[in-house]
Amino acid sequence: MVKVTFITAKGERVEAAAEPGARLLEVAQSADMPLEGTCEGQMACSTCHVIVTPDWFGKLPRASEDEEDMLDLAAGVTRTSRLACQIVLDAALDGLEVRIPGESRDMQRR
């Protein structure tokens, strides 16, 4: 199992675990995190935007250009922002910590 800690907008820590190969978006949704994932992981929205803690950000594969373009549409983007649908969990990410932004914006629904 791969353990993940979500830090809510209120600062609460919520721990979850998933099988290797699971996408972070699905793990977050199972842990009742407010990540919509409107496009169901097709990278056509930014409703699964998370902020990876700096210690973990460098351990993730680099974001694709398409992911970076979608992050441009997300609210509250930081240097360590990623789309949860693009993070596939494996043993190297055991202990991953991500923050759930306090606001979200779905540019597909204007």
PDB file of N, CA and C in Angstrom:
ATOM      1  N   MET A   1       0.844  -1.192   0.000  1.00  0.00           N
ATOM      2  CA  MET A   1       0.000   0.000   0.000  1.00  0.00           C
ATOM      3  C   MET A   1       0.887   1.252   0.000  1.00  0.00           C
ATOM      4  N   VAL A   2       0.375   2.279  -0.647  1.00  0.00           N
ATOM      5  CA  VAL A   2       1.057   3.572  -0.700  1.00  0.00           C
ATOM      6  C   VAL A   2       0.241   4.531   0.160  1.00  0.00           C
ATOM      7  N   LYS A   3       0.900   5.134   1.140  1.00  0.00           N
ATOM      8  CA  LYS A   3       0.214   6.067   2.031  1.00  0.00           C
ATOM      9  C   LYS A   3       0.341   7.482   1.490  1.00  0.00           C
ATOM     10  N   VAL A   4      -0.765   8.237   1.621  1.00  0.00           N
ATOM     11  CA  VAL A   4      -0.824   9.629   1.187  1.00  0.00           C
ATOM     12  C   VAL A   4      -1.456  10.436   2.304  1.00  0.00           C
ATOM     13  N   THR A   5      -0.941  11.629   2.534  1.00  0.00           N
ATOM     14  CA  THR A   5      -1.559  12.545   3.490  1.00  0.00           C
ATOM     15  C   THR A   5      -2.061  13.756   2.729  1.00  0.00           C
ATOM     16  N   PHE A   6      -3.354  14.035   2.885  1.00  0.00           N
ATOM     17  CA  PHE A   6      -3.966  15.223   2.311  1.00  0.00           C
ATOM     18  C   PHE A   6      -4.062  16.266   3.410  1.00  0.00           C
ATOM     19  N   ILE A   7      -3.706  17.489   3.097  1.00  0.00           N
ATOM     20  CA  ILE A   7      -3.828  18.596   4.039  1.00  0.00           C
ATOM     21  C   ILE A   7      -4.949  19.474   3.503  1.00  0.00           C
ATOM     22  N   THR A   8      -6.033  19.564   4.241  1.00  0.00           N
ATOM     23  CA  THR A   8      -7.196  20.307   3.771  1.00  0.00           C
ATOM     24  C   THR A   8      -6.928  21.807   3.810  1.00  0.00           C
ATOM     25  N   ALA A   9      -7.827  22.563   3.218  1.00  0.00           N
ATOM     26  CA  ALA A   9      -7.716  24.027   3.222  1.00  0.00           C
ATOM     27  C   ALA A   9      -7.752  24.574   4.646  1.00  0.00           C
ATOM     28  N   LYS A  10      -8.345  23.820   5.571  1.00  0.00           N
ATOM     29  CA  LYS A  10      -8.405  24.230   6.986  1.00  0.00           C
ATOM     30  C   LYS A  10      -7.207  23.737   7.779  1.00  0.00           C
ATOM     31  N   GLY A  11      -6.271  23.037   7.124  1.00  0.00           N
ATOM     32  CA  GLY A  11      -5.077  22.560   7.797  1.00  0.00           C
ATOM     33  C   GLY A  11      -5.202  21.189   8.436  1.00  0.00           C
ATOM     34  N   GLU A  12      -6.340  20.533   8.248  1.00  0.00           N
ATOM     35  CA  GLU A  12      -6.522  19.196   8.804  1.00  0.00           C
ATOM     36  C   GLU A  12      -5.766  18.180   7.957  1.00  0.00           C
ATOM     37  N   ARG A  13      -5.216  17.181   8.605  1.00  0.00           N
ATOM     38  CA  ARG A  13      -4.465  16.130   7.910  1.00  0.00           C
ATOM     39  C   ARG A  13      -5.351  14.890   7.814  1.00  0.00           C
ATOM     40  N   VAL A  14      -5.522  14.395   6.593  1.00  0.00           N
ATOM     41  CA  VAL A  14      -6.339  13.213   6.340  1.00  0.00           C
ATOM     42  C   VAL A  14      -5.451  12.184   5.663  1.00  0.00           C
ATOM     43  N   GLU A  15      -5.298  11.033   6.296  1.00  0.00           N
ATOM     44  CA  GLU A  15      -4.441   9.992   5.742  1.00  0.00           C
ATOM     45  C   GLU A  15      -5.270   8.999   4.947  1.00  0.00           C
ATOM     46  N   ALA A  16      -4.678   8.529   3.856  1.00  0.00           N
ATOM     47  CA  ALA A  16      -5.334   7.541   2.998  1.00  0.00           C
ATOM     48  C   ALA A  16      -4.268   6.576   2.502  1.00  0.00           C
ATOM     49  N   ALA A  17      -4.711   5.443   1.992  1.00  0.00           N
ATOM     50  CA  ALA A  17      -3.785   4.454   1.432  1.00  0.00           C
ATOM     51  C   ALA A  17      -4.415   3.872   0.179  1.00  0.00           C
ATOM     52  N   ALA A  18      -3.559   3.509  -0.763  1.00  0.00           N
ATOM     53  CA  ALA A  18      -4.039   2.943  -2.022  1.00  0.00           C
ATOM     54  C   ALA A  18      -3.029   1.941  -2.550  1.00  0.00           C
ATOM     55  N   GLU A  19      -3.493   1.143  -3.466  1.00  0.00           N
ATOM     56  CA  GLU A  19      -2.621   0.187  -4.143  1.00  0.00           C
ATOM     57  C   GLU A  19      -1.700   0.944  -5.103  1.00  0.00           C
ATOM     58  N   PRO A  20      -0.475   0.486  -5.302  1.00  0.00           N
ATOM     59  CA  PRO A  20       0.369   1.071  -6.330  1.00  0.00           C
ATOM     60  C   PRO A  20      -0.353   1.039  -7.677  1.00  0.00           C
ATOM     61  N   GLY A  21      -0.201   2.096  -8.445  1.00  0.00           N
ATOM     62  CA  GLY A  21      -0.871   2.198  -9.735  1.00  0.00           C
ATOM     63  C   GLY A  21      -2.133   3.034  -9.685  1.00  0.00           C
ATOM     64  N   ALA A  22      -2.626   3.325  -8.479  1.00  0.00           N
ATOM     65  CA  ALA A  22      -3.816   4.170  -8.348  1.00  0.00           C
ATOM     66  C   ALA A  22      -3.458   5.618  -8.668  1.00  0.00           C
ATOM     67  N   ARG A  23      -4.421   6.329  -9.206  1.00  0.00           N
ATOM     68  CA  ARG A  23      -4.230   7.758  -9.462  1.00  0.00           C
ATOM     69  C   ARG A  23      -4.601   8.540  -8.204  1.00  0.00           C
ATOM     70  N   LEU A  24      -3.837   9.574  -7.940  1.00  0.00           N
ATOM     71  CA  LEU A  24      -4.061  10.379  -6.744  1.00  0.00           C
ATOM     72  C   LEU A  24      -5.479  10.944  -6.702  1.00  0.00           C
ATOM     73  N   LEU A  25      -6.049  11.294  -7.842  1.00  0.00           N
ATOM     74  CA  LEU A  25      -7.416  11.824  -7.875  1.00  0.00           C
ATOM     75  C   LEU A  25      -8.396  10.842  -7.250  1.00  0.00           C
ATOM     76  N   GLU A  26      -8.309   9.571  -7.625  1.00  0.00           N
ATOM     77  CA  GLU A  26      -9.235   8.576  -7.094  1.00  0.00           C
ATOM     78  C   GLU A  26      -9.039   8.371  -5.590  1.00  0.00           C
ATOM     79  N   VAL A  27      -7.802   8.417  -5.160  1.00  0.00           N
ATOM     80  CA  VAL A  27      -7.511   8.264  -3.732  1.00  0.00           C
ATOM     81  C   VAL A  27      -8.101   9.442  -2.964  1.00  0.00           C
ATOM     82  N   ALA A  28      -7.943  10.640  -3.501  1.00  0.00           N
ATOM     83  CA  ALA A  28      -8.482  11.842  -2.861  1.00  0.00           C
ATOM     84  C   ALA A  28     -10.002  11.776  -2.784  1.00  0.00           C
ATOM     85  N   GLN A  29     -10.633  11.389  -3.865  1.00  0.00           N
ATOM     86  CA  GLN A  29     -12.092  11.301  -3.861  1.00  0.00           C
ATOM     87  C   GLN A  29     -12.581  10.255  -2.864  1.00  0.00           C
ATOM     88  N   SER A  30     -11.878   9.133  -2.768  1.00  0.00           N
ATOM     89  CA  SER A  30     -12.250   8.096  -1.794  1.00  0.00           C
ATOM     90  C   SER A  30     -12.091   8.585  -0.361  1.00  0.00           C
ATOM     91  N   ALA A  31     -11.166   9.536  -0.151  1.00  0.00           N
ATOM     92  CA  ALA A  31     -10.942  10.107   1.177  1.00  0.00           C
ATOM     93  C   ALA A  31     -11.813  11.343   1.419  1.00  0.00           C
ATOM     94  N   ASP A  32     -12.803  11.555   0.545  1.00  0.00           N
ATOM     95  CA  ASP A  32     -13.753  12.679   0.653  1.00  0.00           C
ATOM     96  C   ASP A  32     -13.104  14.049   0.543  1.00  0.00           C
ATOM     97  N   MET A  33     -12.022  14.136  -0.224  1.00  0.00           N
ATOM     98  CA  MET A  33     -11.420  15.432  -0.503  1.00  0.00           C
ATOM     99  C   MET A  33     -12.245  16.111  -1.603  1.00  0.00           C
ATOM    100  N   PRO A  34     -12.355  17.435  -1.554  1.00  0.00           N
ATOM    101  CA  PRO A  34     -13.205  18.150  -2.512  1.00  0.00           C
ATOM    102  C   PRO A  34     -12.531  18.372  -3.865  1.00  0.00           C
ATOM    103  N   LEU A  35     -12.116  17.289  -4.504  1.00  0.00           N
ATOM    104  CA  LEU A  35     -11.543  17.371  -5.837  1.00  0.00           C
ATOM    105  C   LEU A  35     -12.576  16.815  -6.808  1.00  0.00           C
ATOM    106  N   GLU A  36     -13.059  17.686  -7.676  1.00  0.00           N
ATOM    107  CA  GLU A  36     -14.153  17.315  -8.561  1.00  0.00           C
ATOM    108  C   GLU A  36     -13.729  16.332  -9.651  1.00  0.00           C
ATOM    109  N   GLY A  37     -12.634  16.627 -10.336  1.00  0.00           N
ATOM    110  CA  GLY A  37     -12.218  15.748 -11.425  1.00  0.00           C
ATOM    111  C   GLY A  37     -13.264  15.687 -12.521  1.00  0.00           C
ATOM    112  N   THR A  38     -13.783  16.840 -12.909  1.00  0.00           N
ATOM    113  CA  THR A  38     -14.874  16.938 -13.872  1.00  0.00           C
ATOM    114  C   THR A  38     -14.628  16.133 -15.137  1.00  0.00           C
ATOM    115  N   CYS A  39     -13.410  16.147 -15.642  1.00  0.00           N
ATOM    116  CA  CYS A  39     -13.110  15.481 -16.918  1.00  0.00           C
ATOM    117  C   CYS A  39     -12.739  14.011 -16.736  1.00  0.00           C
ATOM    118  N   GLU A  40     -12.831  13.514 -15.514  1.00  0.00           N
ATOM    119  CA  GLU A  40     -12.532  12.119 -15.197  1.00  0.00           C
ATOM    120  C   GLU A  40     -11.121  11.708 -15.593  1.00  0.00           C
ATOM    121  N   GLY A  41     -10.168  12.622 -15.375  1.00  0.00           N
ATOM    122  CA  GLY A  41      -8.767  12.299 -15.604  1.00  0.00           C
ATOM    123  C   GLY A  41      -8.297  12.455 -17.032  1.00  0.00           C
ATOM    124  N   GLN A  42      -9.076  13.113 -17.867  1.00  0.00           N
ATOM    125  CA  GLN A  42      -8.705  13.280 -19.269  1.00  0.00           C
ATOM    126  C   GLN A  42      -7.890  14.552 -19.513  1.00  0.00           C
ATOM    127  N   MET A  43      -7.540  15.254 -18.455  1.00  0.00           N
ATOM    128  CA  MET A  43      -6.757  16.484 -18.518  1.00  0.00           C
ATOM    129  C   MET A  43      -7.433  17.552 -19.390  1.00  0.00           C
ATOM    130  N   ALA A  44      -8.753  17.679 -19.213  1.00  0.00           N
ATOM    131  CA  ALA A  44      -9.514  18.687 -19.936  1.00  0.00           C
ATOM    132  C   ALA A  44     -10.093  19.727 -18.983  1.00  0.00           C
ATOM    133  N   CYS A  45      -9.681  19.674 -17.716  1.00  0.00           N
ATOM    134  CA  CYS A  45     -10.123  20.663 -16.732  1.00  0.00           C
ATOM    135  C   CYS A  45      -9.018  20.788 -15.687  1.00  0.00           C
ATOM    136  N   SER A  46      -9.234  21.607 -14.697  1.00  0.00           N
ATOM    137  CA  SER A  46      -8.237  21.740 -13.628  1.00  0.00           C
ATOM    138  C   SER A  46      -8.872  21.552 -12.257  1.00  0.00           C
ATOM    139  N   THR A  47      -9.962  20.791 -12.207  1.00  0.00           N
ATOM    140  CA  THR A  47     -10.697  20.625 -10.956  1.00  0.00           C
ATOM    141  C   THR A  47     -10.089  19.601 -10.009  1.00  0.00           C
ATOM    142  N   CYS A  48      -8.930  19.058 -10.353  1.00  0.00           N
ATOM    143  CA  CYS A  48      -8.234  18.135  -9.434  1.00  0.00           C
ATOM    144  C   CYS A  48      -6.872  18.717  -9.049  1.00  0.00           C
ATOM    145  N   HIS A  49      -6.761  20.038  -9.119  1.00  0.00           N
ATOM    146  CA  HIS A  49      -5.522  20.737  -8.767  1.00  0.00           C
ATOM    147  C   HIS A  49      -5.184  20.502  -7.299  1.00  0.00           C
ATOM    148  N   VAL A  50      -3.958  20.073  -7.048  1.00  0.00           N
ATOM    149  CA  VAL A  50      -3.429  19.935  -5.696  1.00  0.00           C
ATOM    150  C   VAL A  50      -2.073  20.625  -5.630  1.00  0.00           C
ATOM    151  N   ILE A  51      -1.644  20.911  -4.438  1.00  0.00           N
ATOM    152  CA  ILE A  51      -0.329  21.510  -4.220  1.00  0.00           C
ATOM    153  C   ILE A  51       0.512  20.488  -3.474  1.00  0.00           C
ATOM    154  N   VAL A  52       1.535  20.011  -4.139  1.00  0.00           N
ATOM    155  CA  VAL A  52       2.419  18.993  -3.567  1.00  0.00           C
ATOM    156  C   VAL A  52       3.393  19.690  -2.624  1.00  0.00           C
ATOM    157  N   THR A  53       3.619  19.111  -1.455  1.00  0.00           N
ATOM    158  CA  THR A  53       4.568  19.731  -0.535  1.00  0.00           C
ATOM    159  C   THR A  53       5.953  19.746  -1.191  1.00  0.00           C
ATOM    160  N   PRO A  54       6.741  20.776  -0.916  1.00  0.00           N
ATOM    161  CA  PRO A  54       8.044  20.909  -1.589  1.00  0.00           C
ATOM    162  C   PRO A  54       8.950  19.691  -1.467  1.00  0.00           C
ATOM    163  N   ASP A  55       8.929  19.018  -0.321  1.00  0.00           N
ATOM    164  CA  ASP A  55       9.777  17.832  -0.141  1.00  0.00           C
ATOM    165  C   ASP A  55       9.441  16.725  -1.125  1.00  0.00           C
ATOM    166  N   TRP A  56       8.199  16.659  -1.565  1.00  0.00           N
ATOM    167  CA  TRP A  56       7.751  15.586  -2.453  1.00  0.00           C
ATOM    168  C   TRP A  56       7.721  15.994  -3.914  1.00  0.00           C
ATOM    169  N   PHE A  57       7.625  17.262  -4.187  1.00  0.00           N
ATOM    170  CA  PHE A  57       7.451  17.725  -5.568  1.00  0.00           C
ATOM    171  C   PHE A  57       8.550  17.202  -6.501  1.00  0.00           C
ATOM    172  N   GLY A  58       9.787  17.250  -6.067  1.00  0.00           N
ATOM    173  CA  GLY A  58      10.901  16.815  -6.894  1.00  0.00           C
ATOM    174  C   GLY A  58      10.948  15.320  -7.140  1.00  0.00           C
ATOM    175  N   LYS A  59      10.162  14.554  -6.382  1.00  0.00           N
ATOM    176  CA  LYS A  59      10.139  13.103  -6.542  1.00  0.00           C
ATOM    177  C   LYS A  59       9.118  12.653  -7.589  1.00  0.00           C
ATOM    178  N   LEU A  60       8.302  13.591  -8.057  1.00  0.00           N
ATOM    179  CA  LEU A  60       7.289  13.270  -9.061  1.00  0.00           C
ATOM    180  C   LEU A  60       7.881  13.374 -10.459  1.00  0.00           C
ATOM    181  N   PRO A  61       7.353  12.593 -11.396  1.00  0.00           N
ATOM    182  CA  PRO A  61       7.759  12.809 -12.783  1.00  0.00           C
ATOM    183  C   PRO A  61       7.371  14.223 -13.201  1.00  0.00           C
ATOM    184  N   ARG A  62       8.114  14.786 -14.102  1.00  0.00           N
ATOM    185  CA  ARG A  62       7.846  16.146 -14.574  1.00  0.00           C
ATOM    186  C   ARG A  62       6.464  16.231 -15.221  1.00  0.00           C
ATOM    187  N   ALA A  63       5.780  17.342 -15.015  1.00  0.00           N
ATOM    188  CA  ALA A  63       4.464  17.562 -15.622  1.00  0.00           C
ATOM    189  C   ALA A  63       4.620  17.722 -17.131  1.00  0.00           C
ATOM    190  N   SER A  64       3.665  17.194 -17.862  1.00  0.00           N
ATOM    191  CA  SER A  64       3.671  17.361 -19.318  1.00  0.00           C
ATOM    192  C   SER A  64       3.281  18.798 -19.664  1.00  0.00           C
ATOM    193  N   GLU A  65       3.543  19.181 -20.883  1.00  0.00           N
ATOM    194  CA  GLU A  65       3.151  20.520 -21.335  1.00  0.00           C
ATOM    195  C   GLU A  65       1.636  20.695 -21.269  1.00  0.00           C
ATOM    196  N   ASP A  66       0.884  19.645 -21.595  1.00  0.00           N
ATOM    197  CA  ASP A  66      -0.577  19.712 -21.507  1.00  0.00           C
ATOM    198  C   ASP A  66      -1.039  19.933 -20.066  1.00  0.00           C
ATOM    199  N   GLU A  67      -0.391  19.256 -19.132  1.00  0.00           N
ATOM    200  CA  GLU A  67      -0.749  19.447 -17.722  1.00  0.00           C
ATOM    201  C   GLU A  67      -0.433  20.871 -17.288  1.00  0.00           C
ATOM    202  N   GLU A  68       0.708  21.375 -17.670  1.00  0.00           N
ATOM    203  CA  GLU A  68       1.063  22.753 -17.316  1.00  0.00           C
ATOM    204  C   GLU A  68       0.071  23.743 -17.908  1.00  0.00           C
ATOM    205  N   ASP A  69      -0.398  23.486 -19.125  1.00  0.00           N
ATOM    206  CA  ASP A  69      -1.409  24.362 -19.737  1.00  0.00           C
ATOM    207  C   ASP A  69      -2.699  24.351 -18.934  1.00  0.00           C
ATOM    208  N   MET A  70      -3.106  23.185 -18.448  1.00  0.00           N
ATOM    209  CA  MET A  70      -4.339  23.102 -17.649  1.00  0.00           C
ATOM    210  C   MET A  70      -4.150  23.777 -16.297  1.00  0.00           C
ATOM    211  N   LEU A  71      -2.959  23.661 -15.734  1.00  0.00           N
ATOM    212  CA  LEU A  71      -2.693  24.325 -14.452  1.00  0.00           C
ATOM    213  C   LEU A  71      -2.788  25.837 -14.580  1.00  0.00           C
ATOM    214  N   ASP A  72      -2.527  26.370 -15.769  1.00  0.00           N
ATOM    215  CA  ASP A  72      -2.673  27.809 -15.986  1.00  0.00           C
ATOM    216  C   ASP A  72      -4.105  28.268 -15.748  1.00  0.00           C
ATOM    217  N   LEU A  73      -5.063  27.352 -15.820  1.00  0.00           N
ATOM    218  CA  LEU A  73      -6.476  27.688 -15.637  1.00  0.00           C
ATOM    219  C   LEU A  73      -6.945  27.498 -14.193  1.00  0.00           C
ATOM    220  N   ALA A  74      -6.115  26.888 -13.369  1.00  0.00           N
ATOM    221  CA  ALA A  74      -6.502  26.584 -11.986  1.00  0.00           C
ATOM    222  C   ALA A  74      -6.346  27.820 -11.093  1.00  0.00           C
ATOM    223  N   ALA A  75      -7.169  27.882 -10.067  1.00  0.00           N
ATOM    224  CA  ALA A  75      -7.084  28.962  -9.084  1.00  0.00           C
ATOM    225  C   ALA A  75      -6.004  28.640  -8.060  1.00  0.00           C
ATOM    226  N   GLY A  76      -5.251  29.637  -7.635  1.00  0.00           N
ATOM    227  CA  GLY A  76      -4.286  29.471  -6.553  1.00  0.00           C
ATOM    228  C   GLY A  76      -3.092  28.601  -6.885  1.00  0.00           C
ATOM    229  N   VAL A  77      -2.671  28.598  -8.136  1.00  0.00           N
ATOM    230  CA  VAL A  77      -1.545  27.759  -8.554  1.00  0.00           C
ATOM    231  C   VAL A  77      -0.246  28.232  -7.908  1.00  0.00           C
ATOM    232  N   THR A  78       0.589  27.262  -7.540  1.00  0.00           N
ATOM    233  CA  THR A  78       1.904  27.554  -6.974  1.00  0.00           C
ATOM    234  C   THR A  78       2.965  26.818  -7.789  1.00  0.00           C
ATOM    235  N   ARG A  79       4.209  27.013  -7.427  1.00  0.00           N
ATOM    236  CA  ARG A  79       5.317  26.351  -8.108  1.00  0.00           C
ATOM    237  C   ARG A  79       5.223  24.836  -8.008  1.00  0.00           C
ATOM    238  N   THR A  80       4.586  24.327  -6.957  1.00  0.00           N
ATOM    239  CA  THR A  80       4.500  22.881  -6.760  1.00  0.00           C
ATOM    240  C   THR A  80       3.098  22.329  -7.049  1.00  0.00           C
ATOM    241  N   SER A  81       2.323  23.037  -7.851  1.00  0.00           N
ATOM    242  CA  SER A  81       0.982  22.575  -8.218  1.00  0.00           C
ATOM    243  C   SER A  81       1.054  21.457  -9.244  1.00  0.00           C
ATOM    244  N   ARG A  82       0.125  20.526  -9.121  1.00  0.00           N
ATOM    245  CA  ARG A  82      -0.021  19.435 -10.089  1.00  0.00           C
ATOM    246  C   ARG A  82      -1.506  19.090 -10.206  1.00  0.00           C
ATOM    247  N   LEU A  83      -1.843  18.335 -11.232  1.00  0.00           N
ATOM    248  CA  LEU A  83      -3.185  17.783 -11.365  1.00  0.00           C
ATOM    249  C   LEU A  83      -3.154  16.381 -10.776  1.00  0.00           C
ATOM    250  N   ALA A  84      -4.052  16.112  -9.833  1.00  0.00           N
ATOM    251  CA  ALA A  84      -4.061  14.821  -9.145  1.00  0.00           C
ATOM    252  C   ALA A  84      -4.320  13.663 -10.105  1.00  0.00           C
ATOM    253  N   CYS A  85      -5.004  13.919 -11.213  1.00  0.00           N
ATOM    254  CA  CYS A  85      -5.279  12.845 -12.167  1.00  0.00           C
ATOM    255  C   CYS A  85      -4.020  12.391 -12.897  1.00  0.00           C
ATOM    256  N   GLN A  86      -2.957  13.176 -12.819  1.00  0.00           N
ATOM    257  CA  GLN A  86      -1.725  12.847 -13.533  1.00  0.00           C
ATOM    258  C   GLN A  86      -0.658  12.234 -12.625  1.00  0.00           C
ATOM    259  N   ILE A  87      -0.983  12.062 -11.354  1.00  0.00           N
ATOM    260  CA  ILE A  87      -0.032  11.467 -10.410  1.00  0.00           C
ATOM    261  C   ILE A  87      -0.436  10.019 -10.156  1.00  0.00           C
ATOM    262  N   VAL A  88       0.400   9.113 -10.637  1.00  0.00           N
ATOM    263  CA  VAL A  88       0.172   7.677 -10.428  1.00  0.00           C
ATOM    264  C   VAL A  88       1.056   7.247  -9.267  1.00  0.00           C
ATOM    265  N   LEU A  89       0.429   6.681  -8.258  1.00  0.00           N
ATOM    266  CA  LEU A  89       1.154   6.315  -7.047  1.00  0.00           C
ATOM    267  C   LEU A  89       1.978   5.049  -7.246  1.00  0.00           C
ATOM    268  N   ASP A  90       3.178   5.053  -6.680  1.00  0.00           N
ATOM    269  CA  ASP A  90       4.029   3.865  -6.642  1.00  0.00           C
ATOM    270  C   ASP A  90       4.788   3.879  -5.326  1.00  0.00           C
ATOM    271  N   ALA A  91       5.571   2.854  -5.084  1.00  0.00           N
ATOM    272  CA  ALA A  91       6.270   2.716  -3.803  1.00  0.00           C
ATOM    273  C   ALA A  91       7.163   3.912  -3.500  1.00  0.00           C
ATOM    274  N   ALA A  92       7.723   4.546  -4.522  1.00  0.00           N
ATOM    275  CA  ALA A  92       8.596   5.709  -4.314  1.00  0.00           C
ATOM    276  C   ALA A  92       7.825   6.907  -3.766  1.00  0.00           C
ATOM    277  N   LEU A  93       6.491   6.890  -3.887  1.00  0.00           N
ATOM    278  CA  LEU A  93       5.669   8.004  -3.399  1.00  0.00           C
ATOM    279  C   LEU A  93       4.984   7.680  -2.077  1.00  0.00           C
ATOM    280  N   ASP A  94       5.393   6.582  -1.431  1.00  0.00           N
ATOM    281  CA  ASP A  94       4.824   6.227  -0.135  1.00  0.00           C
ATOM    282  C   ASP A  94       5.121   7.333   0.867  1.00  0.00           C
ATOM    283  N   GLY A  95       4.058   7.936   1.427  1.00  0.00           N
ATOM    284  CA  GLY A  95       4.202   9.046   2.360  1.00  0.00           C
ATOM    285  C   GLY A  95       3.936  10.401   1.731  1.00  0.00           C
ATOM    286  N   LEU A  96       3.580  10.431   0.449  1.00  0.00           N
ATOM    287  CA  LEU A  96       3.311  11.674  -0.274  1.00  0.00           C
ATOM    288  C   LEU A  96       2.368  12.579   0.502  1.00  0.00           C
ATOM    289  N   GLU A  97       2.684  13.874   0.518  1.00  0.00           N
ATOM    290  CA  GLU A  97       1.809  14.865   1.148  1.00  0.00           C
ATOM    291  C   GLU A  97       1.411  15.908   0.122  1.00  0.00           C
ATOM    292  N   VAL A  98       0.096  16.170   0.049  1.00  0.00           N
ATOM    293  CA  VAL A  98      -0.415  17.193  -0.854  1.00  0.00           C
ATOM    294  C   VAL A  98      -1.429  18.052  -0.115  1.00  0.00           C
ATOM    295  N   ARG A  99      -1.482  19.320  -0.512  1.00  0.00           N
ATOM    296  CA  ARG A  99      -2.430  20.268   0.076  1.00  0.00           C
ATOM    297  C   ARG A  99      -3.577  20.482  -0.898  1.00  0.00           C
ATOM    298  N   ILE A 100      -4.773  20.525  -0.370  1.00  0.00           N
ATOM    299  CA  ILE A 100      -5.963  20.798  -1.166  1.00  0.00           C
ATOM    300  C   ILE A 100      -6.161  22.315  -1.163  1.00  0.00           C
ATOM    301  N   PRO A 101      -6.184  22.945  -2.339  1.00  0.00           N
ATOM    302  CA  PRO A 101      -6.347  24.408  -2.384  1.00  0.00           C
ATOM    303  C   PRO A 101      -7.677  24.843  -1.774  1.00  0.00           C
ATOM    304  N   GLY A 102      -7.709  26.060  -1.299  1.00  0.00           N
ATOM    305  CA  GLY A 102      -8.913  26.601  -0.684  1.00  0.00           C
ATOM    306  C   GLY A 102      -9.975  27.007  -1.680  1.00  0.00           C
ATOM    307  N   GLU A 103      -9.598  27.164  -2.936  1.00  0.00           N
ATOM    308  CA  GLU A 103     -10.571  27.520  -3.955  1.00  0.00           C
ATOM    309  C   GLU A 103     -10.285  26.717  -5.208  1.00  0.00           C
ATOM    310  N   SER A 104     -11.296  26.583  -6.026  1.00  0.00           N
ATOM    311  CA  SER A 104     -11.107  25.890  -7.294  1.00  0.00           C
ATOM    312  C   SER A 104     -11.873  26.630  -8.375  1.00  0.00           C
ATOM    313  N   ARG A 105     -11.493  26.351  -9.597  1.00  0.00           N
ATOM    314  CA  ARG A 105     -12.141  27.010 -10.727  1.00  0.00           C
ATOM    315  C   ARG A 105     -12.186  25.997 -11.865  1.00  0.00           C
ATOM    316  N   ASP A 106     -13.359  25.832 -12.435  1.00  0.00           N
ATOM    317  CA  ASP A 106     -13.516  24.921 -13.564  1.00  0.00           C
ATOM    318  C   ASP A 106     -13.755  25.777 -14.805  1.00  0.00           C
ATOM    319  N   MET A 107     -12.722  25.924 -15.626  1.00  0.00           N
ATOM    320  CA  MET A 107     -12.825  26.782 -16.801  1.00  0.00           C
ATOM    321  C   MET A 107     -13.701  26.176 -17.884  1.00  0.00           C
ATOM    322  N   GLN A 108     -14.077  24.926 -17.760  1.00  0.00           N
ATOM    323  CA  GLN A 108     -14.982  24.314 -18.731  1.00  0.00           C
ATOM    324  C   GLN A 108     -16.426  24.757 -18.495  1.00  0.00           C
ATOM    325  N   ARG A 109     -16.694  25.288 -17.324  1.00  0.00           N
ATOM    326  CA  ARG A 109     -18.050  25.735 -16.968  1.00  0.00           C
ATOM    327  C   ARG A 109     -18.026  27.227 -16.717  1.00  0.00           C
ATOM    328  N   ARG A 110     -18.035  27.996 -17.726  1.00  0.00           N
ATOM    329  CA  ARG A 110     -17.958  29.460 -17.567  1.00  0.00           C
ATOM    330  C   ARG A 110     -19.286  30.071 -17.292  1.00  0.00           C
TER     331      ARG A 110
END
